[in-house]
Amino acid sequence: MTLHTTLLVRSDSKQADNYEQTLHKATEDLKRFHLEDMEVCSAQQAGLQSFRYRPGPLSHLEMPIWLFQRYLAKQILAASTS
């Protein structure tokens, strides 16, 4: 698997004395973050394929996810109708 990530930086940040070190650390941190995220997503997808999985409502603990989904759906709908 290949992971492509774009890291946006301000043009003036390249003039910093420690730019290369900071860029390298940020890139490594992002790689680690994405790899952990892909692991969690893979486990989630595997769980959805389990014969024990039963669809149902989100837990009250997942309210921020539900709110974000609703917000995103409204934004997509508004963008597609304008």
Protein backbone atom coordinates (compact mmCIF):
# COMPACT_ATOMS: atom_id res chain seq x y z
CA MET A 1 0.00 0.00 0.00
CA THR A 2 1.21 3.47 -0.85
CA LEU A 3 0.22 6.50 1.16
CA HIS A 4 0.36 9.90 -0.51
CA THR A 5 0.04 12.92 1.75
CA THR A 6 0.32 16.58 0.92
CA LEU A 7 1.61 18.85 3.65
CA LEU A 8 0.93 22.52 3.10
CA VAL A 9 3.35 25.00 4.62
CA ARG A 10 3.67 28.73 4.39
CA SER A 11 6.33 29.84 1.93
CA ASP A 12 8.13 31.90 4.57
CA SER A 13 8.48 28.87 6.85
CA LYS A 14 11.20 27.54 4.53
CA GLN A 15 13.43 30.34 5.78
CA ALA A 16 13.40 29.03 9.36
CA ASP A 17 16.70 27.63 10.63
CA ASN A 18 15.15 24.30 11.59
CA TYR A 19 12.81 23.97 8.59
CA GLU A 20 14.18 20.65 7.34
CA GLN A 21 14.11 19.07 10.81
CA THR A 22 10.61 20.36 11.50
CA LEU A 23 9.36 19.18 8.12
CA HIS A 24 10.88 15.74 8.65
CA LYS A 25 9.32 15.41 12.12
CA ALA A 26 5.91 16.59 10.88
CA THR A 27 6.06 14.13 7.97
CA GLU A 28 6.98 11.24 10.27
CA ASP A 29 4.21 12.20 12.71
CA LEU A 30 1.68 12.30 9.88
CA LYS A 31 2.80 8.90 8.60
CA ARG A 32 2.42 7.42 12.08
CA PHE A 33 -1.01 9.02 12.46
CA HIS A 34 -2.23 7.73 9.10
CA LEU A 35 -0.92 4.22 9.74
CA GLU A 36 -2.71 4.10 13.10
CA ASP A 37 -5.87 5.46 11.48
CA MET A 38 -5.74 2.86 8.70
CA GLU A 39 -5.34 0.12 11.33
CA VAL A 40 -8.43 1.32 13.20
CA CYS A 41 -10.45 1.67 9.97
CA SER A 42 -9.44 -1.83 8.85
CA ALA A 43 -10.50 -3.28 12.19
CA GLN A 44 -13.80 -1.40 11.97
CA GLN A 45 -14.46 -2.74 8.47
CA ALA A 46 -13.63 -6.27 9.60
CA GLY A 47 -16.10 -5.89 12.46
CA LEU A 48 -18.81 -4.83 10.04
CA GLN A 49 -18.26 -8.05 8.10
CA SER A 50 -18.66 -10.18 11.23
CA PHE A 51 -21.70 -12.44 11.48
CA ARG A 52 -22.25 -10.94 14.94
CA TYR A 53 -22.65 -7.40 13.60
CA ARG A 54 -26.17 -6.02 13.88
CA PRO A 55 -26.93 -2.54 12.55
CA GLY A 56 -28.43 -0.15 15.00
CA PRO A 57 -28.45 3.43 16.20
CA LEU A 58 -25.28 5.14 17.29
CA SER A 59 -24.55 5.22 20.99
CA HIS A 60 -25.12 8.48 22.84
CA LEU A 61 -21.33 8.57 23.16
CA GLU A 62 -21.13 8.95 19.38
CA MET A 63 -23.27 12.09 19.24
CA PRO A 64 -20.43 14.22 17.78
CA ILE A 65 -20.18 11.76 14.87
CA TRP A 66 -23.93 11.95 14.27
CA LEU A 67 -23.88 15.76 14.40
CA PHE A 68 -20.95 15.91 11.98
CA GLN A 69 -22.70 13.52 9.58
CA ARG A 70 -25.83 15.67 9.65
CA TYR A 71 -23.79 18.85 9.09
CA LEU A 72 -21.87 17.28 6.22
CA ALA A 73 -25.04 15.96 4.57
CA LYS A 74 -26.60 19.44 4.72
CA GLN A 75 -23.46 21.01 3.22
CA ILE A 76 -23.37 18.47 0.39
CA LEU A 77 -27.07 18.94 -0.32
CA ALA A 78 -26.71 22.73 -0.35
CA ALA A 79 -23.69 22.55 -2.67
CA SER A 80 -25.41 20.17 -5.08
CA THR A 81 -28.59 22.26 -5.37
CA SER A 82 -26.94 25.64 -5.92
